[in-house]
Amino acid sequence: MLGVGQKFPQFSLTGVVSNDLNNAFQPFDSNSSAGKWKIVFFWPKDFTFVCPTEIAAFGKLNKEFADRDAVVYGVSTDSEFVHLAWRKDKEELRNLPFPMLSDIKRELTSALGVLDAEAGVAQRATYIVDPQGVIRFAYVTDLNVGRSPEEVLRVLDALQTDELCPCNWKKGEDTLQAA
């Protein structure tokens, strides 16, 4: 698995950005949001139980991420057509403010090392990538355990201070000074 300090792989994927079939699909690649922080999170499968709770929670925090000059990309190995059907079917996904990217060829998940070999799907992974394309945070949980988007936001805040941040530090609190 690629980790902190390594370059995030180049990618070119199709994303679902609306529920209207005429303009639902858009291409996204490594340069789509050049100069911005990227929050890239992966879920195992569409039409499951844990995944929509996380996706909706990232959606609720999208404005907070945007206020920090960060874009959010959600990714799974399902096709863009499955993403669109799930968006239309699941109330909490209908108005997502970020694209649902399709890694159907499993190129990005494989390059990152987050393709679950046994299940053949993306692991429940989250990355924070800085504007230079360097991974600054990597987080993977068991396929059955949801993650905390609030924690991802907290870590982004800490990374953006470029300071030493103690345990459980929150935006607005004092950072540490090296002696």
N, C-alpha and C. Protein backbone atom coordinates (compact mmCIF):
# COMPACT_ATOMS: atom_id res chain seq x y z
N MET A 1 0.84 -1.18 0.00
CA MET A 1 0.00 0.00 0.00
C MET A 1 0.88 1.24 0.00
N LEU A 2 0.55 2.19 -0.88
CA LEU A 2 1.29 3.46 -0.87
C LEU A 2 0.93 4.23 0.39
N GLY A 3 1.91 4.92 0.92
CA GLY A 3 1.68 5.63 2.17
C GLY A 3 2.23 7.04 2.17
N VAL A 4 2.30 7.60 3.34
CA VAL A 4 2.70 8.99 3.56
C VAL A 4 4.07 9.25 2.95
N GLY A 5 4.15 10.38 2.23
CA GLY A 5 5.40 10.80 1.61
C GLY A 5 5.57 10.33 0.18
N GLN A 6 4.71 9.41 -0.26
CA GLN A 6 4.80 8.91 -1.63
C GLN A 6 3.87 9.71 -2.54
N LYS A 7 4.19 9.72 -3.83
CA LYS A 7 3.36 10.41 -4.81
C LYS A 7 2.07 9.62 -5.03
N PHE A 8 0.96 10.34 -5.08
CA PHE A 8 -0.31 9.71 -5.42
C PHE A 8 -0.25 9.35 -6.90
N PRO A 9 -0.71 8.16 -7.28
CA PRO A 9 -0.61 7.73 -8.68
C PRO A 9 -1.44 8.61 -9.63
N GLN A 10 -0.97 8.66 -10.87
CA GLN A 10 -1.73 9.32 -11.93
C GLN A 10 -3.01 8.50 -12.16
N PHE A 11 -4.11 9.17 -12.50
CA PHE A 11 -5.35 8.46 -12.77
C PHE A 11 -6.17 9.21 -13.80
N SER A 12 -7.06 8.48 -14.43
CA SER A 12 -8.03 9.04 -15.36
C SER A 12 -9.27 8.17 -15.26
N LEU A 13 -10.32 8.72 -14.64
CA LEU A 13 -11.52 7.94 -14.33
C LEU A 13 -12.78 8.72 -14.72
N THR A 14 -13.87 8.00 -14.92
CA THR A 14 -15.16 8.62 -15.18
C THR A 14 -15.88 8.81 -13.86
N GLY A 15 -16.44 10.01 -13.67
CA GLY A 15 -17.16 10.31 -12.45
C GLY A 15 -18.62 10.63 -12.71
N VAL A 16 -19.45 10.29 -11.75
CA VAL A 16 -20.88 10.62 -11.80
C VAL A 16 -21.07 11.88 -10.97
N VAL A 17 -21.65 12.92 -11.62
CA VAL A 17 -21.79 14.21 -10.97
C VAL A 17 -23.23 14.69 -10.84
N SER A 18 -24.16 13.96 -11.46
CA SER A 18 -25.58 14.32 -11.34
C SER A 18 -26.42 13.08 -11.61
N ASN A 19 -27.73 13.24 -11.44
CA ASN A 19 -28.66 12.13 -11.68
C ASN A 19 -29.26 12.17 -13.08
N ASP A 20 -28.96 13.20 -13.84
CA ASP A 20 -29.47 13.37 -15.19
C ASP A 20 -28.55 12.64 -16.16
N LEU A 21 -29.06 11.61 -16.80
CA LEU A 21 -28.25 10.79 -17.70
C LEU A 21 -27.55 11.62 -18.78
N ASN A 22 -28.13 12.72 -19.21
CA ASN A 22 -27.54 13.54 -20.27
C ASN A 22 -26.25 14.23 -19.86
N ASN A 23 -26.07 14.49 -18.59
CA ASN A 23 -24.83 15.13 -18.14
C ASN A 23 -24.32 14.55 -16.82
N ALA A 24 -24.60 13.26 -16.61
CA ALA A 24 -24.20 12.61 -15.37
C ALA A 24 -22.71 12.30 -15.32
N PHE A 25 -22.11 12.04 -16.48
CA PHE A 25 -20.75 11.53 -16.51
C PHE A 25 -19.75 12.60 -16.96
N GLN A 26 -18.64 12.68 -16.21
CA GLN A 26 -17.56 13.59 -16.56
C GLN A 26 -16.22 12.90 -16.33
N PRO A 27 -15.23 13.24 -17.15
CA PRO A 27 -13.90 12.67 -16.92
C PRO A 27 -13.17 13.44 -15.81
N PHE A 28 -12.42 12.71 -15.02
CA PHE A 28 -11.59 13.30 -13.97
C PHE A 28 -10.22 12.63 -14.07
N ASP A 29 -9.18 13.44 -13.87
CA ASP A 29 -7.84 12.87 -13.86
C ASP A 29 -7.01 13.58 -12.81
N SER A 30 -5.75 13.22 -12.76
CA SER A 30 -4.84 13.76 -11.75
C SER A 30 -4.73 15.28 -11.81
N ASN A 31 -5.00 15.87 -12.97
CA ASN A 31 -4.88 17.32 -13.13
C ASN A 31 -6.20 18.06 -12.98
N SER A 32 -7.28 17.35 -12.72
CA SER A 32 -8.60 17.99 -12.65
C SER A 32 -8.69 19.07 -11.58
N SER A 33 -7.97 18.92 -10.53
CA SER A 33 -8.01 19.91 -9.45
C SER A 33 -6.59 20.27 -9.03
N ALA A 34 -5.79 20.59 -10.04
CA ALA A 34 -4.39 20.94 -9.79
C ALA A 34 -4.29 22.10 -8.81
N GLY A 35 -3.32 21.99 -7.90
CA GLY A 35 -3.09 23.06 -6.93
C GLY A 35 -3.98 22.99 -5.70
N LYS A 36 -4.84 22.00 -5.63
CA LYS A 36 -5.74 21.86 -4.47
C LYS A 36 -5.36 20.62 -3.67
N TRP A 37 -5.76 20.61 -2.42
CA TRP A 37 -5.69 19.41 -1.61
C TRP A 37 -6.76 18.46 -2.13
N LYS A 38 -6.51 17.16 -2.05
CA LYS A 38 -7.49 16.17 -2.48
C LYS A 38 -7.78 15.20 -1.35
N ILE A 39 -9.05 14.95 -1.14
CA ILE A 39 -9.50 13.91 -0.24
C ILE A 39 -10.03 12.80 -1.16
N VAL A 40 -9.36 11.67 -1.19
CA VAL A 40 -9.76 10.57 -2.06
C VAL A 40 -10.11 9.39 -1.16
N PHE A 41 -11.39 9.03 -1.18
CA PHE A 41 -11.78 7.90 -0.34
C PHE A 41 -12.43 6.82 -1.20
N PHE A 42 -12.20 5.58 -0.78
CA PHE A 42 -12.66 4.40 -1.52
C PHE A 42 -13.66 3.63 -0.67
N TRP A 43 -14.66 3.07 -1.34
CA TRP A 43 -15.58 2.16 -0.67
C TRP A 43 -15.64 0.87 -1.47
N PRO A 44 -16.00 -0.25 -0.82
CA PRO A 44 -15.96 -1.55 -1.49
C PRO A 44 -16.99 -1.74 -2.61
N LYS A 45 -18.26 -1.49 -2.33
CA LYS A 45 -19.30 -1.81 -3.32
C LYS A 45 -20.48 -0.86 -3.19
N ASP A 46 -21.08 -0.56 -4.32
CA ASP A 46 -22.35 0.17 -4.33
C ASP A 46 -23.46 -0.78 -3.88
N PHE A 47 -24.59 -0.22 -3.50
CA PHE A 47 -25.76 -0.97 -3.06
C PHE A 47 -25.44 -1.87 -1.86
N THR A 48 -24.67 -1.32 -0.93
CA THR A 48 -24.35 -2.03 0.31
C THR A 48 -24.85 -1.21 1.49
N PHE A 49 -24.42 -1.55 2.69
CA PHE A 49 -25.02 -0.98 3.89
C PHE A 49 -24.16 0.07 4.59
N VAL A 50 -22.88 -0.20 4.79
CA VAL A 50 -22.00 0.74 5.48
C VAL A 50 -21.63 1.90 4.55
N CYS A 51 -21.37 1.59 3.29
CA CYS A 51 -20.85 2.58 2.33
C CYS A 51 -21.70 3.84 2.22
N PRO A 52 -23.03 3.75 2.07
CA PRO A 52 -23.78 5.01 1.90
C PRO A 52 -23.73 5.91 3.13
N THR A 53 -23.53 5.33 4.32
CA THR A 53 -23.44 6.16 5.51
C THR A 53 -22.19 7.03 5.45
N GLU A 54 -21.10 6.45 4.98
CA GLU A 54 -19.84 7.20 4.86
C GLU A 54 -19.91 8.22 3.74
N ILE A 55 -20.42 7.80 2.58
CA ILE A 55 -20.48 8.69 1.42
C ILE A 55 -21.33 9.91 1.76
N ALA A 56 -22.48 9.69 2.38
CA ALA A 56 -23.36 10.79 2.77
C ALA A 56 -22.67 11.69 3.80
N ALA A 57 -21.91 11.11 4.71
CA ALA A 57 -21.21 11.91 5.73
C ALA A 57 -20.12 12.77 5.09
N PHE A 58 -19.40 12.24 4.11
CA PHE A 58 -18.43 13.07 3.37
C PHE A 58 -19.17 14.19 2.64
N GLY A 59 -20.34 13.87 2.08
CA GLY A 59 -21.14 14.87 1.38
C GLY A 59 -21.55 16.01 2.30
N LYS A 60 -21.94 15.69 3.52
CA LYS A 60 -22.35 16.72 4.48
C LYS A 60 -21.20 17.64 4.86
N LEU A 61 -19.97 17.13 4.77
CA LEU A 61 -18.79 17.93 5.11
C LEU A 61 -18.12 18.56 3.89
N ASN A 62 -18.69 18.37 2.71
CA ASN A 62 -18.05 18.85 1.49
C ASN A 62 -17.73 20.34 1.54
N LYS A 63 -18.65 21.16 2.05
CA LYS A 63 -18.41 22.60 2.14
C LYS A 63 -17.22 22.88 3.05
N GLU A 64 -17.10 22.13 4.13
CA GLU A 64 -15.97 22.30 5.05
C GLU A 64 -14.65 21.99 4.33
N PHE A 65 -14.64 20.91 3.55
CA PHE A 65 -13.43 20.58 2.79
C PHE A 65 -13.14 21.68 1.76
N ALA A 66 -14.17 22.13 1.05
CA ALA A 66 -14.00 23.17 0.03
C ALA A 66 -13.46 24.46 0.66
N ASP A 67 -13.93 24.79 1.87
CA ASP A 67 -13.45 25.98 2.56
C ASP A 67 -11.95 25.89 2.87
N ARG A 68 -11.42 24.68 2.84
CA ARG A 68 -10.00 24.45 3.12
C ARG A 68 -9.22 24.20 1.82
N ASP A 69 -9.81 24.59 0.71
CA ASP A 69 -9.18 24.44 -0.61
C ASP A 69 -8.92 22.97 -0.95
N ALA A 70 -9.84 22.11 -0.56
CA ALA A 70 -9.73 20.67 -0.82
C ALA A 70 -10.94 20.21 -1.64
N VAL A 71 -10.69 19.28 -2.55
CA VAL A 71 -11.76 18.64 -3.31
C VAL A 71 -11.89 17.20 -2.83
N VAL A 72 -13.11 16.69 -2.87
CA VAL A 72 -13.40 15.33 -2.43
C VAL A 72 -13.71 14.48 -3.65
N TYR A 73 -13.09 13.32 -3.70
CA TYR A 73 -13.39 12.31 -4.72
C TYR A 73 -13.73 11.01 -4.01
N GLY A 74 -14.90 10.45 -4.31
CA GLY A 74 -15.26 9.13 -3.82
C GLY A 74 -15.04 8.13 -4.94
N VAL A 75 -14.51 6.96 -4.61
CA VAL A 75 -14.13 5.99 -5.64
C VAL A 75 -14.52 4.57 -5.21
N SER A 76 -15.04 3.80 -6.17
CA SER A 76 -15.16 2.35 -5.98
C SER A 76 -14.88 1.66 -7.31
N THR A 77 -14.85 0.36 -7.28
CA THR A 77 -14.56 -0.42 -8.49
C THR A 77 -15.83 -0.71 -9.29
N ASP A 78 -16.96 -0.18 -8.86
CA ASP A 78 -18.19 -0.33 -9.64
C ASP A 78 -18.15 0.61 -10.83
N SER A 79 -18.97 0.32 -11.85
CA SER A 79 -19.01 1.17 -13.04
C SER A 79 -19.75 2.47 -12.76
N GLU A 80 -19.56 3.44 -13.65
CA GLU A 80 -20.26 4.71 -13.53
C GLU A 80 -21.77 4.52 -13.66
N PHE A 81 -22.20 3.49 -14.39
CA PHE A 81 -23.63 3.23 -14.54
C PHE A 81 -24.24 2.69 -13.25
N VAL A 82 -23.47 1.89 -12.54
CA VAL A 82 -23.93 1.39 -11.23
C VAL A 82 -23.96 2.56 -10.24
N HIS A 83 -22.94 3.42 -10.29
CA HIS A 83 -22.94 4.62 -9.42
C HIS A 83 -24.20 5.46 -9.66
N LEU A 84 -24.52 5.68 -10.94
CA LEU A 84 -25.69 6.49 -11.28
C LEU A 84 -26.97 5.83 -10.76
N ALA A 85 -27.11 4.55 -10.95
CA ALA A 85 -28.30 3.84 -10.47
C ALA A 85 -28.40 3.94 -8.95
N TRP A 86 -27.28 3.82 -8.26
CA TRP A 86 -27.29 3.88 -6.80
C TRP A 86 -27.63 5.28 -6.33
N ARG A 87 -27.06 6.29 -6.98
CA ARG A 87 -27.40 7.69 -6.65
C ARG A 87 -28.89 7.93 -6.76
N LYS A 88 -29.47 7.42 -7.85
CA LYS A 88 -30.91 7.62 -8.07
C LYS A 88 -31.75 6.85 -7.06
N ASP A 89 -31.26 5.69 -6.64
CA ASP A 89 -32.01 4.80 -5.76
C ASP A 89 -31.94 5.21 -4.28
N LYS A 90 -30.81 5.73 -3.86
CA LYS A 90 -30.55 5.98 -2.44
C LYS A 90 -30.71 7.46 -2.12
N GLU A 91 -31.71 7.78 -1.34
CA GLU A 91 -32.06 9.18 -1.03
C GLU A 91 -30.85 10.00 -0.60
N GLU A 92 -30.03 9.48 0.32
CA GLU A 92 -28.92 10.28 0.85
C GLU A 92 -27.78 10.48 -0.15
N LEU A 93 -27.83 9.82 -1.30
CA LEU A 93 -26.79 9.98 -2.31
C LEU A 93 -27.24 10.83 -3.50
N ARG A 94 -28.49 11.17 -3.56
CA ARG A 94 -29.04 11.85 -4.75
C ARG A 94 -28.40 13.19 -5.06
N ASN A 95 -28.04 13.93 -4.04
CA ASN A 95 -27.50 15.28 -4.26
C ASN A 95 -26.06 15.41 -3.79
N LEU A 96 -25.28 14.37 -4.00
CA LEU A 96 -23.88 14.44 -3.58
C LEU A 96 -23.17 15.61 -4.25
N PRO A 97 -22.38 16.35 -3.50
CA PRO A 97 -21.69 17.51 -4.06
C PRO A 97 -20.31 17.17 -4.65
N PHE A 98 -19.93 15.91 -4.65
CA PHE A 98 -18.64 15.51 -5.21
C PHE A 98 -18.85 14.33 -6.14
N PRO A 99 -17.90 14.09 -7.06
CA PRO A 99 -18.07 12.99 -8.01
C PRO A 99 -17.84 11.62 -7.39
N MET A 100 -18.60 10.67 -7.89
CA MET A 100 -18.40 9.26 -7.56
C MET A 100 -17.61 8.68 -8.74
N LEU A 101 -16.33 8.38 -8.52
CA LEU A 101 -15.47 7.92 -9.60
C LEU A 101 -15.51 6.40 -9.73
N SER A 102 -15.43 5.95 -10.99
CA SER A 102 -15.45 4.53 -11.30
C SER A 102 -14.05 4.04 -11.64
N ASP A 103 -13.54 3.13 -10.83
CA ASP A 103 -12.24 2.49 -11.09
C ASP A 103 -12.50 1.05 -11.52
N ILE A 104 -13.35 0.90 -12.53
CA ILE A 104 -13.79 -0.43 -12.95
C ILE A 104 -12.63 -1.31 -13.43
N LYS A 105 -11.57 -0.70 -13.96
CA LYS A 105 -10.41 -1.48 -14.39
C LYS A 105 -9.46 -1.78 -13.22
N ARG A 106 -9.78 -1.21 -12.07
CA ARG A 106 -9.01 -1.41 -10.85
C ARG A 106 -7.56 -0.91 -10.97
N GLU A 107 -7.35 0.08 -11.80
CA GLU A 107 -6.00 0.61 -12.00
C GLU A 107 -5.54 1.46 -10.83
N LEU A 108 -6.40 2.37 -10.35
CA LEU A 108 -6.01 3.23 -9.24
C LEU A 108 -5.92 2.43 -7.94
N THR A 109 -6.92 1.58 -7.69
CA THR A 109 -6.88 0.77 -6.47
C THR A 109 -5.65 -0.14 -6.45
N SER A 110 -5.29 -0.67 -7.61
CA SER A 110 -4.10 -1.53 -7.69
C SER A 110 -2.83 -0.71 -7.49
N ALA A 111 -2.74 0.45 -8.13
CA ALA A 111 -1.55 1.30 -8.01
C ALA A 111 -1.32 1.74 -6.56
N LEU A 112 -2.42 1.99 -5.85
CA LEU A 112 -2.32 2.38 -4.44
C LEU A 112 -2.08 1.19 -3.52
N GLY A 113 -2.40 -0.01 -3.99
CA GLY A 113 -2.27 -1.19 -3.14
C GLY A 113 -3.46 -1.38 -2.22
N VAL A 114 -4.63 -0.84 -2.60
CA VAL A 114 -5.82 -0.96 -1.75
C VAL A 114 -6.91 -1.82 -2.40
N LEU A 115 -6.52 -2.66 -3.36
CA LEU A 115 -7.46 -3.61 -3.93
C LEU A 115 -7.44 -4.84 -3.04
N ASP A 116 -8.58 -5.16 -2.45
CA ASP A 116 -8.68 -6.31 -1.56
C ASP A 116 -8.57 -7.58 -2.41
N ALA A 117 -7.49 -8.32 -2.22
CA ALA A 117 -7.21 -9.50 -3.06
C ALA A 117 -8.29 -10.56 -2.95
N GLU A 118 -8.82 -10.75 -1.77
CA GLU A 118 -9.82 -11.79 -1.57
C GLU A 118 -11.19 -11.39 -2.13
N ALA A 119 -11.61 -10.16 -1.86
CA ALA A 119 -12.95 -9.72 -2.28
C ALA A 119 -12.95 -9.12 -3.69
N GLY A 120 -11.78 -8.70 -4.20
CA GLY A 120 -11.70 -8.11 -5.53
C GLY A 120 -12.29 -6.71 -5.64
N VAL A 121 -12.42 -6.02 -4.51
CA VAL A 121 -12.99 -4.67 -4.47
C VAL A 121 -12.02 -3.75 -3.74
N ALA A 122 -12.30 -2.46 -3.80
CA ALA A 122 -11.47 -1.50 -3.08
C ALA A 122 -11.62 -1.71 -1.58
N GLN A 123 -10.53 -1.58 -0.87
CA GLN A 123 -10.59 -1.55 0.58
C GLN A 123 -11.17 -0.20 0.99
N ARG A 124 -11.61 -0.10 2.22
CA ARG A 124 -12.18 1.13 2.74
C ARG A 124 -11.02 2.06 3.12
N ALA A 125 -10.45 2.72 2.11
CA ALA A 125 -9.24 3.53 2.27
C ALA A 125 -9.55 5.01 2.08
N THR A 126 -8.77 5.85 2.75
CA THR A 126 -8.88 7.30 2.61
C THR A 126 -7.49 7.89 2.51
N TYR A 127 -7.33 8.83 1.59
CA TYR A 127 -6.06 9.53 1.41
C TYR A 127 -6.29 11.03 1.45
N ILE A 128 -5.35 11.74 2.07
CA ILE A 128 -5.25 13.19 1.92
C ILE A 128 -3.99 13.42 1.11
N VAL A 129 -4.16 14.13 -0.01
CA VAL A 129 -3.07 14.39 -0.94
C VAL A 129 -2.86 15.90 -1.00
N ASP A 130 -1.63 16.34 -0.82
CA ASP A 130 -1.36 17.78 -0.83
C ASP A 130 -1.35 18.34 -2.26
N PRO A 131 -1.29 19.65 -2.41
CA PRO A 131 -1.34 20.25 -3.75
C PRO A 131 -0.18 19.82 -4.67
N GLN A 132 0.89 19.29 -4.13
CA GLN A 132 2.01 18.80 -4.94
C GLN A 132 1.85 17.33 -5.32
N GLY A 133 0.72 16.71 -4.92
CA GLY A 133 0.46 15.32 -5.27
C GLY A 133 1.09 14.30 -4.34
N VAL A 134 1.50 14.74 -3.15
CA VAL A 134 2.14 13.85 -2.18
C VAL A 134 1.11 13.40 -1.16
N ILE A 135 1.10 12.11 -0.88
CA ILE A 135 0.21 11.55 0.14
C ILE A 135 0.67 12.03 1.51
N ARG A 136 -0.25 12.67 2.24
CA ARG A 136 0.08 13.18 3.57
C ARG A 136 -0.65 12.42 4.67
N PHE A 137 -1.62 11.59 4.28
CA PHE A 137 -2.43 10.83 5.25
C PHE A 137 -2.99 9.63 4.50
N ALA A 138 -2.90 8.46 5.13
CA ALA A 138 -3.49 7.24 4.57
C ALA A 138 -4.16 6.48 5.70
N TYR A 139 -5.35 5.99 5.43
CA TYR A 139 -6.20 5.42 6.48
C TYR A 139 -7.02 4.31 5.84
N VAL A 140 -6.91 3.09 6.38
CA VAL A 140 -7.68 1.96 5.85
C VAL A 140 -8.34 1.24 7.02
N THR A 141 -9.62 0.94 6.86
CA THR A 141 -10.31 0.16 7.88
C THR A 141 -10.80 -1.15 7.27
N ASP A 142 -11.22 -2.04 8.12
CA ASP A 142 -11.79 -3.31 7.70
C ASP A 142 -13.01 -3.04 6.81
N LEU A 143 -13.30 -3.93 5.88
CA LEU A 143 -14.43 -3.74 4.98
C LEU A 143 -15.75 -3.54 5.73
N ASN A 144 -15.86 -4.07 6.94
CA ASN A 144 -17.10 -3.98 7.70
C ASN A 144 -17.20 -2.76 8.61
N VAL A 145 -16.14 -1.95 8.67
CA VAL A 145 -16.10 -0.86 9.64
C VAL A 145 -16.03 0.49 8.93
N GLY A 146 -17.01 1.34 9.18
CA GLY A 146 -17.03 2.67 8.60
C GLY A 146 -16.00 3.58 9.22
N ARG A 147 -15.60 4.58 8.46
CA ARG A 147 -14.61 5.54 8.93
C ARG A 147 -15.29 6.84 9.36
N SER A 148 -14.48 7.77 9.87
CA SER A 148 -14.99 9.05 10.35
C SER A 148 -14.53 10.18 9.44
N PRO A 149 -15.42 10.72 8.60
CA PRO A 149 -15.05 11.89 7.79
C PRO A 149 -14.64 13.09 8.64
N GLU A 150 -15.19 13.21 9.85
CA GLU A 150 -14.79 14.31 10.73
C GLU A 150 -13.32 14.20 11.10
N GLU A 151 -12.82 12.98 11.28
CA GLU A 151 -11.41 12.79 11.59
C GLU A 151 -10.55 13.17 10.39
N VAL A 152 -11.00 12.86 9.19
CA VAL A 152 -10.27 13.24 7.98
C VAL A 152 -10.18 14.77 7.90
N LEU A 153 -11.27 15.46 8.20
CA LEU A 153 -11.27 16.92 8.20
C LEU A 153 -10.32 17.46 9.26
N ARG A 154 -10.33 16.86 10.44
CA ARG A 154 -9.44 17.28 11.52
C ARG A 154 -7.97 17.13 11.11
N VAL A 155 -7.65 16.02 10.48
CA VAL A 155 -6.27 15.79 10.04
C VAL A 155 -5.89 16.78 8.94
N LEU A 156 -6.80 17.07 8.02
CA LEU A 156 -6.53 18.08 6.99
C LEU A 156 -6.22 19.42 7.64
N ASP A 157 -7.03 19.81 8.62
CA ASP A 157 -6.77 21.06 9.34
C ASP A 157 -5.37 21.05 9.95
N ALA A 158 -4.99 19.95 10.57
CA ALA A 158 -3.68 19.85 11.21
C ALA A 158 -2.57 19.94 10.16
N LEU A 159 -2.72 19.22 9.05
CA LEU A 159 -1.71 19.25 8.01
C LEU A 159 -1.54 20.66 7.44
N GLN A 160 -2.62 21.37 7.32
CA GLN A 160 -2.56 22.70 6.72
C GLN A 160 -1.94 23.75 7.64
N THR A 161 -1.78 23.44 8.92
CA THR A 161 -1.09 24.37 9.81
C THR A 161 0.41 24.36 9.55
N ASP A 162 0.91 23.22 9.06
CA ASP A 162 2.35 23.01 8.86
C ASP A 162 3.10 23.18 10.19
N GLU A 163 2.41 22.84 11.27
CA GLU A 163 2.96 22.94 12.62
C GLU A 163 2.88 21.57 13.30
N LEU A 164 3.42 21.48 14.50
CA LEU A 164 3.29 20.28 15.31
C LEU A 164 1.94 20.32 16.02
N CYS A 165 1.12 19.30 15.81
CA CYS A 165 -0.22 19.27 16.40
C CYS A 165 -0.33 18.10 17.36
N PRO A 166 -0.72 18.36 18.61
CA PRO A 166 -0.82 17.28 19.59
C PRO A 166 -2.02 16.37 19.33
N CYS A 167 -2.07 15.31 20.09
CA CYS A 167 -3.18 14.36 20.03
C CYS A 167 -4.52 15.08 20.19
N ASN A 168 -5.46 14.72 19.34
CA ASN A 168 -6.81 15.27 19.38
C ASN A 168 -6.89 16.77 19.12
N TRP A 169 -5.83 17.34 18.56
CA TRP A 169 -5.82 18.76 18.23
C TRP A 169 -6.99 19.08 17.31
N LYS A 170 -7.58 20.26 17.50
CA LYS A 170 -8.66 20.73 16.65
C LYS A 170 -8.34 22.13 16.16
N LYS A 171 -8.88 22.47 15.00
CA LYS A 171 -8.65 23.78 14.39
C LYS A 171 -8.94 24.89 15.41
N GLY A 172 -8.01 25.84 15.49
CA GLY A 172 -8.17 26.96 16.42
C GLY A 172 -7.41 26.76 17.72
N GLU A 173 -7.04 25.52 18.01
CA GLU A 173 -6.26 25.27 19.24
C GLU A 173 -4.80 25.56 19.00
N ASP A 174 -4.06 25.74 20.10
CA ASP A 174 -2.62 26.00 19.98
C ASP A 174 -1.89 24.78 19.44
N THR A 175 -0.88 25.04 18.64
CA THR A 175 0.01 23.98 18.18
C THR A 175 1.18 23.91 19.14
N LEU A 176 2.04 22.92 18.95
CA LEU A 176 3.21 22.76 19.84
C LEU A 176 4.40 23.49 19.26
N GLN A 177 5.25 23.97 20.15
CA GLN A 177 6.50 24.62 19.75
C GLN A 177 7.65 23.70 20.13
N ALA A 178 8.53 23.41 19.18
CA ALA A 178 9.70 22.58 19.45
C ALA A 178 10.67 23.37 20.32
N ALA A 179 11.23 22.71 21.31
CA ALA A 179 12.16 23.39 22.23
C ALA A 179 13.53 23.52 21.63
